[in-house]
Amino acid sequence: MDREELVRKVFEAGVVGAGGAGFPTHAKLRAEGINTYLINAVECEPLLEGDKVLLRTEAENLVGTARIVAEAMGAGRAAFVIKE
């Protein structure tokens, strides 16, 4: 998948950030010169564990998708960001 196809699919799906501002993800995917694609799996509240559960139960799918997105963006690597 190339970058434009990825951006189009994300735009059509209406994907936005979960940080509260609703920033459109397709705009982030247009960034140039990306070396590392970071996937933010840091929970913002102490009792929230949705990201941790997904990382444990869907790791294979998440890693595969991260590879596809990183390649489409021209990034040399992808990394999941977590905290203890």
PDB file of N, CA and C in Angstrom:
ATOM      1  N   MET A   1       0.857  -1.174   0.000  1.00  0.00           N
ATOM      2  CA  MET A   1       0.000   0.000   0.000  1.00  0.00           C
ATOM      3  C   MET A   1       0.899   1.232   0.000  1.00  0.00           C
ATOM      4  N   ASP A   2       0.598   2.202  -0.842  1.00  0.00           N
ATOM      5  CA  ASP A   2       1.382   3.429  -0.818  1.00  0.00           C
ATOM      6  C   ASP A   2       0.718   4.446   0.119  1.00  0.00           C
ATOM      7  N   ARG A   3       1.426   5.540   0.347  1.00  0.00           N
ATOM      8  CA  ARG A   3       0.963   6.558   1.303  1.00  0.00           C
ATOM      9  C   ARG A   3      -0.405   7.120   0.918  1.00  0.00           C
ATOM     10  N   GLU A   4      -0.594   7.452  -0.361  1.00  0.00           N
ATOM     11  CA  GLU A   4      -1.865   8.058  -0.776  1.00  0.00           C
ATOM     12  C   GLU A   4      -3.044   7.113  -0.566  1.00  0.00           C
ATOM     13  N   GLU A   5      -2.842   5.826  -0.819  1.00  0.00           N
ATOM     14  CA  GLU A   5      -3.922   4.857  -0.587  1.00  0.00           C
ATOM     15  C   GLU A   5      -4.228   4.764   0.904  1.00  0.00           C
ATOM     16  N   LEU A   6      -3.181   4.740   1.735  1.00  0.00           N
ATOM     17  CA  LEU A   6      -3.366   4.691   3.188  1.00  0.00           C
ATOM     18  C   LEU A   6      -4.125   5.926   3.674  1.00  0.00           C
ATOM     19  N   VAL A   7      -3.697   7.102   3.228  1.00  0.00           N
ATOM     20  CA  VAL A   7      -4.347   8.355   3.637  1.00  0.00           C
ATOM     21  C   VAL A   7      -5.814   8.337   3.215  1.00  0.00           C
ATOM     22  N   ARG A   8      -6.087   7.904   1.998  1.00  0.00           N
ATOM     23  CA  ARG A   8      -7.461   7.857   1.504  1.00  0.00           C
ATOM     24  C   ARG A   8      -8.324   6.924   2.340  1.00  0.00           C
ATOM     25  N   LYS A   9      -7.802   5.737   2.648  1.00  0.00           N
ATOM     26  CA  LYS A   9      -8.581   4.765   3.427  1.00  0.00           C
ATOM     27  C   LYS A   9      -8.854   5.279   4.838  1.00  0.00           C
ATOM     28  N   VAL A  10      -7.855   5.889   5.450  1.00  0.00           N
ATOM     29  CA  VAL A  10      -8.027   6.424   6.807  1.00  0.00           C
ATOM     30  C   VAL A  10      -9.008   7.593   6.787  1.00  0.00           C
ATOM     31  N   PHE A  11      -8.907   8.462   5.777  1.00  0.00           N
ATOM     32  CA  PHE A  11      -9.839   9.586   5.639  1.00  0.00           C
ATOM     33  C   PHE A  11     -11.268   9.082   5.474  1.00  0.00           C
ATOM     34  N   GLU A  12     -11.456   8.130   4.566  1.00  0.00           N
ATOM     35  CA  GLU A  12     -12.801   7.601   4.301  1.00  0.00           C
ATOM     36  C   GLU A  12     -13.395   6.902   5.525  1.00  0.00           C
ATOM     37  N   ALA A  13     -12.534   6.313   6.360  1.00  0.00           N
ATOM     38  CA  ALA A  13     -13.004   5.641   7.569  1.00  0.00           C
ATOM     39  C   ALA A  13     -13.307   6.630   8.690  1.00  0.00           C
ATOM     40  N   GLY A  14     -12.861   7.882   8.542  1.00  0.00           N
ATOM     41  CA  GLY A  14     -13.136   8.902   9.553  1.00  0.00           C
ATOM     42  C   GLY A  14     -12.328   8.737  10.825  1.00  0.00           C
ATOM     43  N   VAL A  15     -11.137   8.160  10.723  1.00  0.00           N
ATOM     44  CA  VAL A  15     -10.312   7.912  11.910  1.00  0.00           C
ATOM     45  C   VAL A  15      -9.775   9.234  12.446  1.00  0.00           C
ATOM     46  N   VAL A  16      -9.941   9.442  13.753  1.00  0.00           N
ATOM     47  CA  VAL A  16      -9.419  10.625  14.433  1.00  0.00           C
ATOM     48  C   VAL A  16      -8.709  10.184  15.709  1.00  0.00           C
ATOM     49  N   GLY A  17      -7.858  11.052  16.223  1.00  0.00           N
ATOM     50  CA  GLY A  17      -7.151  10.768  17.459  1.00  0.00           C
ATOM     51  C   GLY A  17      -8.099  10.652  18.635  1.00  0.00           C
ATOM     52  N   ALA A  18      -7.676   9.904  19.624  1.00  0.00           N
ATOM     53  CA  ALA A  18      -8.503   9.680  20.810  1.00  0.00           C
ATOM     54  C   ALA A  18      -8.138  10.623  21.957  1.00  0.00           C
ATOM     55  N   GLY A  19      -7.339  11.638  21.672  1.00  0.00           N
ATOM     56  CA  GLY A  19      -6.877  12.535  22.719  1.00  0.00           C
ATOM     57  C   GLY A  19      -7.868  13.594  23.152  1.00  0.00           C
ATOM     58  N   GLY A  20      -9.035  13.630  22.543  1.00  0.00           N
ATOM     59  CA  GLY A  20     -10.039  14.604  22.952  1.00  0.00           C
ATOM     60  C   GLY A  20     -10.269  15.701  21.927  1.00  0.00           C
ATOM     61  N   ALA A  21      -9.234  16.061  21.177  1.00  0.00           N
ATOM     62  CA  ALA A  21      -9.370  17.127  20.178  1.00  0.00           C
ATOM     63  C   ALA A  21      -9.927  16.605  18.865  1.00  0.00           C
ATOM     64  N   GLY A  22      -9.895  15.307  18.668  1.00  0.00           N
ATOM     65  CA  GLY A  22     -10.418  14.728  17.439  1.00  0.00           C
ATOM     66  C   GLY A  22      -9.593  15.070  16.214  1.00  0.00           C
ATOM     67  N   PHE A  23      -8.279  15.208  16.383  1.00  0.00           N
ATOM     68  CA  PHE A  23      -7.401  15.561  15.268  1.00  0.00           C
ATOM     69  C   PHE A  23      -7.446  14.458  14.218  1.00  0.00           C
ATOM     70  N   PRO A  24      -7.662  14.800  12.945  1.00  0.00           N
ATOM     71  CA  PRO A  24      -7.802  13.783  11.899  1.00  0.00           C
ATOM     72  C   PRO A  24      -6.493  13.042  11.629  1.00  0.00           C
ATOM     73  N   THR A  25      -6.544  11.733  11.729  1.00  0.00           N
ATOM     74  CA  THR A  25      -5.359  10.898  11.555  1.00  0.00           C
ATOM     75  C   THR A  25      -4.801  10.998  10.138  1.00  0.00           C
ATOM     76  N   HIS A  26      -5.654  11.166   9.142  1.00  0.00           N
ATOM     77  CA  HIS A  26      -5.154  11.250   7.767  1.00  0.00           C
ATOM     78  C   HIS A  26      -4.174  12.414   7.604  1.00  0.00           C
ATOM     79  N   ALA A  27      -4.352  13.492   8.357  1.00  0.00           N
ATOM     80  CA  ALA A  27      -3.436  14.630   8.274  1.00  0.00           C
ATOM     81  C   ALA A  27      -2.064  14.255   8.827  1.00  0.00           C
ATOM     82  N   LYS A  28      -2.035  13.465   9.893  1.00  0.00           N
ATOM     83  CA  LYS A  28      -0.762  13.025  10.465  1.00  0.00           C
ATOM     84  C   LYS A  28      -0.009  12.123   9.496  1.00  0.00           C
ATOM     85  N   LEU A  29      -0.742  11.320   8.741  1.00  0.00           N
ATOM     86  CA  LEU A  29      -0.113  10.372   7.827  1.00  0.00           C
ATOM     87  C   LEU A  29       0.505  11.043   6.604  1.00  0.00           C
ATOM     88  N   ARG A  30       0.253  12.316   6.421  1.00  0.00           N
ATOM     89  CA  ARG A  30       0.828  13.052   5.293  1.00  0.00           C
ATOM     90  C   ARG A  30       2.228  13.589   5.606  1.00  0.00           C
ATOM     91  N   ALA A  31       2.681  13.442   6.846  1.00  0.00           N
ATOM     92  CA  ALA A  31       3.988  13.961   7.254  1.00  0.00           C
ATOM     93  C   ALA A  31       5.099  13.339   6.409  1.00  0.00           C
ATOM     94  N   GLU A  32       6.086  14.125   6.069  1.00  0.00           N
ATOM     95  CA  GLU A  32       7.229  13.672   5.264  1.00  0.00           C
ATOM     96  C   GLU A  32       8.458  13.495   6.155  1.00  0.00           C
ATOM     97  N   GLY A  33       9.386  12.708   5.702  1.00  0.00           N
ATOM     98  CA  GLY A  33      10.662  12.544   6.401  1.00  0.00           C
ATOM     99  C   GLY A  33      10.570  11.781   7.712  1.00  0.00           C
ATOM    100  N   ILE A  34       9.639  10.838   7.807  1.00  0.00           N
ATOM    101  CA  ILE A  34       9.455  10.066   9.039  1.00  0.00           C
ATOM    102  C   ILE A  34      10.488   8.947   9.110  1.00  0.00           C
ATOM    103  N   ASN A  35      11.248   8.899  10.190  1.00  0.00           N
ATOM    104  CA  ASN A  35      12.209   7.811  10.407  1.00  0.00           C
ATOM    105  C   ASN A  35      11.594   6.689  11.225  1.00  0.00           C
ATOM    106  N   THR A  36      10.850   7.081  12.261  1.00  0.00           N
ATOM    107  CA  THR A  36      10.236   6.113  13.167  1.00  0.00           C
ATOM    108  C   THR A  36       8.763   6.459  13.333  1.00  0.00           C
ATOM    109  N   TYR A  37       7.916   5.471  13.121  1.00  0.00           N
ATOM    110  CA  TYR A  37       6.470   5.620  13.300  1.00  0.00           C
ATOM    111  C   TYR A  37       6.148   5.162  14.719  1.00  0.00           C
ATOM    112  N   LEU A  38       5.674   6.077  15.571  1.00  0.00           N
ATOM    113  CA  LEU A  38       5.350   5.765  16.960  1.00  0.00           C
ATOM    114  C   LEU A  38       3.862   5.496  17.114  1.00  0.00           C
ATOM    115  N   ILE A  39       3.535   4.410  17.796  1.00  0.00           N
ATOM    116  CA  ILE A  39       2.156   4.070  18.100  1.00  0.00           C
ATOM    117  C   ILE A  39       1.969   4.332  19.589  1.00  0.00           C
ATOM    118  N   ASN A  40       1.154   5.327  19.914  1.00  0.00           N
ATOM    119  CA  ASN A  40       0.954   5.717  21.302  1.00  0.00           C
ATOM    120  C   ASN A  40      -0.041   4.774  21.977  1.00  0.00           C
ATOM    121  N   ALA A  41       0.472   3.910  22.852  1.00  0.00           N
ATOM    122  CA  ALA A  41      -0.369   3.003  23.628  1.00  0.00           C
ATOM    123  C   ALA A  41      -0.267   3.338  25.114  1.00  0.00           C
ATOM    124  N   VAL A  42       0.044   4.586  25.410  1.00  0.00           N
ATOM    125  CA  VAL A  42       0.157   5.047  26.789  1.00  0.00           C
ATOM    126  C   VAL A  42      -1.234   5.393  27.298  1.00  0.00           C
ATOM    127  N   GLU A  43      -1.645   4.755  28.358  1.00  0.00           N
ATOM    128  CA  GLU A  43      -2.952   5.032  28.970  1.00  0.00           C
ATOM    129  C   GLU A  43      -2.862   6.339  29.740  1.00  0.00           C
ATOM    130  N   CYS A  44      -3.893   7.166  29.620  1.00  0.00           N
ATOM    131  CA  CYS A  44      -3.854   8.472  30.268  1.00  0.00           C
ATOM    132  C   CYS A  44      -4.406   8.446  31.698  1.00  0.00           C
ATOM    133  N   GLU A  45      -5.153   7.430  32.038  1.00  0.00           N
ATOM    134  CA  GLU A  45      -5.731   7.312  33.376  1.00  0.00           C
ATOM    135  C   GLU A  45      -5.231   6.021  34.023  1.00  0.00           C
ATOM    136  N   PRO A  46      -4.983   6.046  35.319  1.00  0.00           N
ATOM    137  CA  PRO A  46      -4.407   4.871  35.992  1.00  0.00           C
ATOM    138  C   PRO A  46      -5.233   3.586  35.864  1.00  0.00           C
ATOM    139  N   LEU A  47      -6.542   3.675  35.781  1.00  0.00           N
ATOM    140  CA  LEU A  47      -7.366   2.470  35.755  1.00  0.00           C
ATOM    141  C   LEU A  47      -7.749   2.021  34.345  1.00  0.00           C
ATOM    142  N   LEU A  48      -7.350   2.777  33.329  1.00  0.00           N
ATOM    143  CA  LEU A  48      -7.632   2.381  31.955  1.00  0.00           C
ATOM    144  C   LEU A  48      -6.586   1.377  31.477  1.00  0.00           C
ATOM    145  N   GLU A  49      -7.029   0.308  30.868  1.00  0.00           N
ATOM    146  CA  GLU A  49      -6.085  -0.700  30.383  1.00  0.00           C
ATOM    147  C   GLU A  49      -6.455  -1.237  29.009  1.00  0.00           C
ATOM    148  N   GLY A  50      -7.269  -0.495  28.259  1.00  0.00           N
ATOM    149  CA  GLY A  50      -7.704  -0.951  26.939  1.00  0.00           C
ATOM    150  C   GLY A  50      -6.544  -1.194  25.989  1.00  0.00           C
ATOM    151  N   ASP A  51      -5.575  -0.276  25.973  1.00  0.00           N
ATOM    152  CA  ASP A  51      -4.428  -0.449  25.083  1.00  0.00           C
ATOM    153  C   ASP A  51      -3.613  -1.675  25.486  1.00  0.00           C
ATOM    154  N   LYS A  52      -3.417  -1.866  26.783  1.00  0.00           N
ATOM    155  CA  LYS A  52      -2.664  -3.031  27.251  1.00  0.00           C
ATOM    156  C   LYS A  52      -3.354  -4.328  26.861  1.00  0.00           C
ATOM    157  N   VAL A  53      -4.664  -4.354  26.985  1.00  0.00           N
ATOM    158  CA  VAL A  53      -5.421  -5.552  26.608  1.00  0.00           C
ATOM    159  C   VAL A  53      -5.262  -5.818  25.116  1.00  0.00           C
ATOM    160  N   LEU A  54      -5.400  -4.785  24.306  1.00  0.00           N
ATOM    161  CA  LEU A  54      -5.232  -4.958  22.860  1.00  0.00           C
ATOM    162  C   LEU A  54      -3.822  -5.430  22.507  1.00  0.00           C
ATOM    163  N   LEU A  55      -2.818  -4.872  23.166  1.00  0.00           N
ATOM    164  CA  LEU A  55      -1.444  -5.296  22.893  1.00  0.00           C
ATOM    165  C   LEU A  55      -1.234  -6.765  23.253  1.00  0.00           C
ATOM    166  N   ARG A  56      -1.873  -7.219  24.320  1.00  0.00           N
ATOM    167  CA  ARG A  56      -1.735  -8.629  24.721  1.00  0.00           C
ATOM    168  C   ARG A  56      -2.516  -9.559  23.809  1.00  0.00           C
ATOM    169  N   THR A  57      -3.705  -9.156  23.406  1.00  0.00           N
ATOM    170  CA  THR A  57      -4.590 -10.077  22.687  1.00  0.00           C
ATOM    171  C   THR A  57      -4.506  -9.954  21.168  1.00  0.00           C
ATOM    172  N   GLU A  58      -4.049  -8.827  20.666  1.00  0.00           N
ATOM    173  CA  GLU A  58      -4.014  -8.597  19.218  1.00  0.00           C
ATOM    174  C   GLU A  58      -2.624  -8.216  18.721  1.00  0.00           C
ATOM    175  N   ALA A  59      -1.600  -8.664  19.430  1.00  0.00           N
ATOM    176  CA  ALA A  59      -0.228  -8.256  19.103  1.00  0.00           C
ATOM    177  C   ALA A  59       0.140  -8.542  17.653  1.00  0.00           C
ATOM    178  N   GLU A  60      -0.186  -9.711  17.166  1.00  0.00           N
ATOM    179  CA  GLU A  60       0.186 -10.078  15.794  1.00  0.00           C
ATOM    180  C   GLU A  60      -0.461  -9.121  14.777  1.00  0.00           C
ATOM    181  N   ASN A  61      -1.737  -8.833  14.952  1.00  0.00           N
ATOM    182  CA  ASN A  61      -2.435  -7.907  14.047  1.00  0.00           C
ATOM    183  C   ASN A  61      -1.882  -6.486  14.163  1.00  0.00           C
ATOM    184  N   LEU A  62      -1.607  -6.054  15.378  1.00  0.00           N
ATOM    185  CA  LEU A  62      -1.097  -4.699  15.590  1.00  0.00           C
ATOM    186  C   LEU A  62       0.288  -4.521  14.985  1.00  0.00           C
ATOM    187  N   VAL A  63       1.156  -5.505  15.181  1.00  0.00           N
ATOM    188  CA  VAL A  63       2.507  -5.423  14.622  1.00  0.00           C
ATOM    189  C   VAL A  63       2.440  -5.454  13.094  1.00  0.00           C
ATOM    190  N   GLY A  64       1.609  -6.315  12.547  1.00  0.00           N
ATOM    191  CA  GLY A  64       1.457  -6.378  11.094  1.00  0.00           C
ATOM    192  C   GLY A  64       0.960  -5.068  10.508  1.00  0.00           C
ATOM    193  N   THR A  65      -0.022  -4.474  11.161  1.00  0.00           N
ATOM    194  CA  THR A  65      -0.562  -3.193  10.702  1.00  0.00           C
ATOM    195  C   THR A  65       0.481  -2.085  10.842  1.00  0.00           C
ATOM    196  N   ALA A  66       1.221  -2.096  11.945  1.00  0.00           N
ATOM    197  CA  ALA A  66       2.275  -1.091  12.148  1.00  0.00           C
ATOM    198  C   ALA A  66       3.318  -1.180  11.036  1.00  0.00           C
ATOM    199  N   ARG A  67       3.647  -2.382  10.617  1.00  0.00           N
ATOM    200  CA  ARG A  67       4.610  -2.550   9.517  1.00  0.00           C
ATOM    201  C   ARG A  67       4.071  -1.957   8.216  1.00  0.00           C
ATOM    202  N   ILE A  68       2.802  -2.210   7.938  1.00  0.00           N
ATOM    203  CA  ILE A  68       2.174  -1.684   6.717  1.00  0.00           C
ATOM    204  C   ILE A  68       2.182  -0.160   6.722  1.00  0.00           C
ATOM    205  N   VAL A  69       1.783   0.434   7.854  1.00  0.00           N
ATOM    206  CA  VAL A  69       1.725   1.895   7.948  1.00  0.00           C
ATOM    207  C   VAL A  69       3.128   2.491   7.860  1.00  0.00           C
ATOM    208  N   ALA A  70       4.090   1.901   8.582  1.00  0.00           N
ATOM    209  CA  ALA A  70       5.460   2.413   8.554  1.00  0.00           C
ATOM    210  C   ALA A  70       6.014   2.376   7.133  1.00  0.00           C
ATOM    211  N   GLU A  71       5.787   1.286   6.437  1.00  0.00           N
ATOM    212  CA  GLU A  71       6.276   1.166   5.062  1.00  0.00           C
ATOM    213  C   GLU A  71       5.617   2.206   4.157  1.00  0.00           C
ATOM    214  N   ALA A  72       4.313   2.373   4.292  1.00  0.00           N
ATOM    215  CA  ALA A  72       3.592   3.353   3.470  1.00  0.00           C
ATOM    216  C   ALA A  72       4.084   4.769   3.727  1.00  0.00           C
ATOM    217  N   MET A  73       4.496   5.042   4.954  1.00  0.00           N
ATOM    218  CA  MET A  73       4.971   6.377   5.313  1.00  0.00           C
ATOM    219  C   MET A  73       6.453   6.572   5.019  1.00  0.00           C
ATOM    220  N   GLY A  74       7.141   5.488   4.649  1.00  0.00           N
ATOM    221  CA  GLY A  74       8.562   5.585   4.380  1.00  0.00           C
ATOM    222  C   GLY A  74       9.413   5.566   5.634  1.00  0.00           C
ATOM    223  N   ALA A  75       8.837   5.120   6.743  1.00  0.00           N
ATOM    224  CA  ALA A  75       9.574   5.045   8.010  1.00  0.00           C
ATOM    225  C   ALA A  75      10.384   3.751   8.058  1.00  0.00           C
ATOM    226  N   GLY A  76      11.565   3.823   8.605  1.00  0.00           N
ATOM    227  CA  GLY A  76      12.428   2.657   8.704  1.00  0.00           C
ATOM    228  C   GLY A  76      12.019   1.694   9.798  1.00  0.00           C
ATOM    229  N   ARG A  77      11.254   2.196  10.756  1.00  0.00           N
ATOM    230  CA  ARG A  77      10.817   1.322  11.848  1.00  0.00           C
ATOM    231  C   ARG A  77       9.557   1.859  12.498  1.00  0.00           C
ATOM    232  N   ALA A  78       8.925   0.985  13.265  1.00  0.00           N
ATOM    233  CA  ALA A  78       7.744   1.347  14.044  1.00  0.00           C
ATOM    234  C   ALA A  78       7.992   0.926  15.486  1.00  0.00           C
ATOM    235  N   ALA A  79       7.438   1.676  16.431  1.00  0.00           N
ATOM    236  CA  ALA A  79       7.610   1.357  17.848  1.00  0.00           C
ATOM    237  C   ALA A  79       6.327   1.653  18.598  1.00  0.00           C
ATOM    238  N   PHE A  80       5.949   0.737  19.476  1.00  0.00           N
ATOM    239  CA  PHE A  80       4.801   0.944  20.354  1.00  0.00           C
ATOM    240  C   PHE A  80       5.301   1.609  21.630  1.00  0.00           C
ATOM    241  N   VAL A  81       4.650   2.693  22.025  1.00  0.00           N
ATOM    242  CA  VAL A  81       5.032   3.423  23.223  1.00  0.00           C
ATOM    243  C   VAL A  81       4.062   3.040  24.336  1.00  0.00           C
ATOM    244  N   ILE A  82       4.622   2.514  25.431  1.00  0.00           N
ATOM    245  CA  ILE A  82       3.817   2.092  26.577  1.00  0.00           C
ATOM    246  C   ILE A  82       4.464   2.601  27.852  1.00  0.00           C
ATOM    247  N   LYS A  83       3.759   2.465  28.961  1.00  0.00           N
ATOM    248  CA  LYS A  83       4.365   2.760  30.261  1.00  0.00           C
ATOM    249  C   LYS A  83       3.969   1.641  31.209  1.00  0.00           C
ATOM    250  N   GLU A  84       4.719   1.534  32.281  1.00  0.00           N
ATOM    251  CA  GLU A  84       4.449   0.468  33.255  1.00  0.00           C
ATOM    252  C   GLU A  84       3.092   0.606  33.871  1.00  0.00           C
TER     253      GLU A  84
END
